[in-house]
PDB file of N, CA and C in Angstrom:
ATOM      1  N   MET A   1     114.333  94.408 107.614  1.00  0.00           N
ATOM      2  CA  MET A   1     113.324  94.407 108.501  1.00  0.00           C
ATOM      3  C   MET A   1     112.541  95.806 108.606  1.00  0.00           C
ATOM      4  N   LYS A   2     113.399  96.870 108.726  1.00  0.00           N
ATOM      5  CA  LYS A   2     112.743  98.279 108.737  1.00  0.00           C
ATOM      6  C   LYS A   2     112.073  98.417 107.411  1.00  0.00           C
ATOM      7  N   LYS A   3     112.398  97.765 106.036  1.00  0.00           N
ATOM      8  CA  LYS A   3     111.517  98.189 105.222  1.00  0.00           C
ATOM      9  C   LYS A   3     110.243  97.477 105.221  1.00  0.00           C
ATOM     10  N   SER A   4     110.220  96.430 105.622  1.00  0.00           N
ATOM     11  CA  SER A   4     108.900  95.417 105.602  1.00  0.00           C
ATOM     12  C   SER A   4     108.090  96.396 106.838  1.00  0.00           C
ATOM     13  N   ILE A   5     108.718  96.812 107.717  1.00  0.00           N
ATOM     14  CA  ILE A   5     107.798  97.656 108.713  1.00  0.00           C
ATOM     15  C   ILE A   5     107.186  98.781 108.135  1.00  0.00           C
ATOM     16  N   TYR A   6     108.064  99.578 107.342  1.00  0.00           N
ATOM     17  CA  TYR A   6     107.711 100.624 106.806  1.00  0.00           C
ATOM     18  C   TYR A   6     106.509 100.513 105.662  1.00  0.00           C
ATOM     19  N   PHE A   7     106.655  99.424 104.790  1.00  0.00           N
ATOM     20  CA  PHE A   7     105.788  98.673 103.858  1.00  0.00           C
ATOM     21  C   PHE A   7     104.299  98.737 104.445  1.00  0.00           C
ATOM     22  N   VAL A   8     104.337  97.814 105.635  1.00  0.00           N
ATOM     23  CA  VAL A   8     103.111  97.621 106.612  1.00  0.00           C
ATOM     24  C   VAL A   8     102.343  99.065 106.900  1.00  0.00           C
ATOM     25  N   LEU A   9     103.299  99.986 107.451  1.00  0.00           N
ATOM     26  CA  LEU A   9     102.767 101.081 107.660  1.00  0.00           C
ATOM     27  C   LEU A   9     101.925 101.927 106.509  1.00  0.00           C
ATOM     28  N   VAL A  10     102.721 101.872 105.498  1.00  0.00           N
ATOM     29  CA  VAL A  10     102.248 102.586 104.134  1.00  0.00           C
ATOM     30  C   VAL A  10     100.809 102.004 103.873  1.00  0.00           C
ATOM     31  N   ILE A  11     100.835 100.538 103.789  1.00  0.00           N
ATOM     32  CA  ILE A  11      99.474  99.775 103.430  1.00  0.00           C
ATOM     33  C   ILE A  11      98.641 100.221 104.270  1.00  0.00           C
ATOM     34  N   ARG A  12      98.855 100.113 105.600  1.00  0.00           N
ATOM     35  CA  ARG A  12      97.793 100.514 106.568  1.00  0.00           C
ATOM     36  C   ARG A  12      97.201 101.807 106.681  1.00  0.00           C
ATOM     37  N   LYS A  13      98.008 102.824 106.134  1.00  0.00           N
ATOM     38  CA  LYS A  13      97.558 104.195 106.005  1.00  0.00           C
ATOM     39  C   LYS A  13      96.837 104.259 104.746  1.00  0.00           C
ATOM     40  N   LEU A  14      97.332 103.674 103.744  1.00  0.00           N
ATOM     41  CA  LEU A  14      96.456 103.692 102.630  1.00  0.00           C
ATOM     42  C   LEU A  14      95.004 102.948 102.827  1.00  0.00           C
ATOM     43  N   LYS A  15      95.170 102.017 103.455  1.00  0.00           N
ATOM     44  CA  LYS A  15      93.676 101.246 103.822  1.00  0.00           C
ATOM     45  C   LYS A  15      92.820 102.136 104.584  1.00  0.00           C
ATOM     46  N   ASN A  16      93.599 102.878 105.656  1.00  0.00           N
ATOM     47  CA  ASN A  16      92.624 103.630 106.612  1.00  0.00           C
ATOM     48  C   ASN A  16      92.145 104.725 105.586  1.00  0.00           C
ATOM     49  N   ALA A  17      92.808 105.379 104.670  1.00  0.00           N
ATOM     50  CA  ALA A  17      92.271 106.442 103.917  1.00  0.00           C
ATOM     51  C   ALA A  17      91.189 105.864 102.901  1.00  0.00           C
ATOM     52  N   PHE A  18      91.443 104.681 102.409  1.00  0.00           N
ATOM     53  CA  PHE A  18      90.479 104.099 101.499  1.00  0.00           C
ATOM     54  C   PHE A  18      89.103 103.913 102.366  1.00  0.00           C
ATOM     55  N   VAL A  19      89.164 103.264 103.709  1.00  0.00           N
ATOM     56  CA  VAL A  19      88.065 102.926 104.279  1.00  0.00           C
ATOM     57  C   VAL A  19      87.230 104.480 104.502  1.00  0.00           C
ATOM     58  N   THR A  20      87.890 105.378 105.016  1.00  0.00           N
ATOM     59  CA  THR A  20      87.448 106.736 105.479  1.00  0.00           C
ATOM     60  C   THR A  20      86.630 107.145 104.200  1.00  0.00           C
ATOM     61  N   HIS A  21      87.176 107.094 103.208  1.00  0.00           N
ATOM     62  CA  HIS A  21      86.916 107.755 101.963  1.00  0.00           C
ATOM     63  C   HIS A  21      85.546 107.020 101.603  1.00  0.00           C
ATOM     64  N   TYR A  22      85.735 105.648 101.515  1.00  0.00           N
ATOM     65  CA  TYR A  22      84.341 105.025 101.500  1.00  0.00           C
ATOM     66  C   TYR A  22      83.232 105.135 102.206  1.00  0.00           C
ATOM     67  N   LEU A  23      83.409 105.382 103.367  1.00  0.00           N
ATOM     68  CA  LEU A  23      82.238 105.555 104.542  1.00  0.00           C
ATOM     69  C   LEU A  23      82.000 106.874 104.210  1.00  0.00           C
ATOM     70  N   ASN A  24      82.728 107.915 103.885  1.00  0.00           N
ATOM     71  CA  ASN A  24      82.105 109.113 103.504  1.00  0.00           C
ATOM     72  C   ASN A  24      81.324 109.209 102.493  1.00  0.00           C
ATOM     73  N   PHE A  25      81.764 108.426 101.345  1.00  0.00           N
ATOM     74  CA  PHE A  25      80.919 108.597 100.089  1.00  0.00           C
ATOM     75  C   PHE A  25      79.349 107.660 100.492  1.00  0.00           C
ATOM     76  N   ASN A  26      79.623 106.695 101.302  1.00  0.00           N
ATOM     77  CA  ASN A  26      78.187 106.032 101.564  1.00  0.00           C
ATOM     78  C   ASN A  26      77.423 107.103 102.335  1.00  0.00           C
ATOM     79  N   ILE A  27      77.727 107.714 103.327  1.00  0.00           N
ATOM     80  CA  ILE A  27      77.063 108.630 104.090  1.00  0.00           C
ATOM     81  C   ILE A  27      76.563 109.867 103.242  1.00  0.00           C
ATOM     82  N   ASN A  28      77.585 110.372 102.170  1.00  0.00           N
ATOM     83  CA  ASN A  28      76.761 111.375 101.279  1.00  0.00           C
ATOM     84  C   ASN A  28      75.826 110.723 100.407  1.00  0.00           C
ATOM     85  N   ASP A  29      76.008 109.328 100.220  1.00  0.00           N
ATOM     86  CA  ASP A  29      74.936 108.965  99.298  1.00  0.00           C
ATOM     87  C   ASP A  29      73.755 108.904 100.065  1.00  0.00           C
ATOM     88  N   TYR A  30      73.709 108.402 101.314  1.00  0.00           N
ATOM     89  CA  TYR A  30      72.423 108.305 101.852  1.00  0.00           C
ATOM     90  C   TYR A  30      71.865 109.638 102.473  1.00  0.00           C
ATOM     91  N   VAL A  31      72.883 110.816 102.595  1.00  0.00           N
ATOM     92  CA  VAL A  31      72.035 112.049 102.708  1.00  0.00           C
ATOM     93  C   VAL A  31      71.586 112.743 101.465  1.00  0.00           C
TER      94      VAL A  31
END
């Protein structure tokens, strides 16, 4: 159970990092 929860947290963190990076990339593109 703990491993699966840790896995979900890691994936969530990676997804957030990817989303923020993608948004920053788009903002820089438009500016």
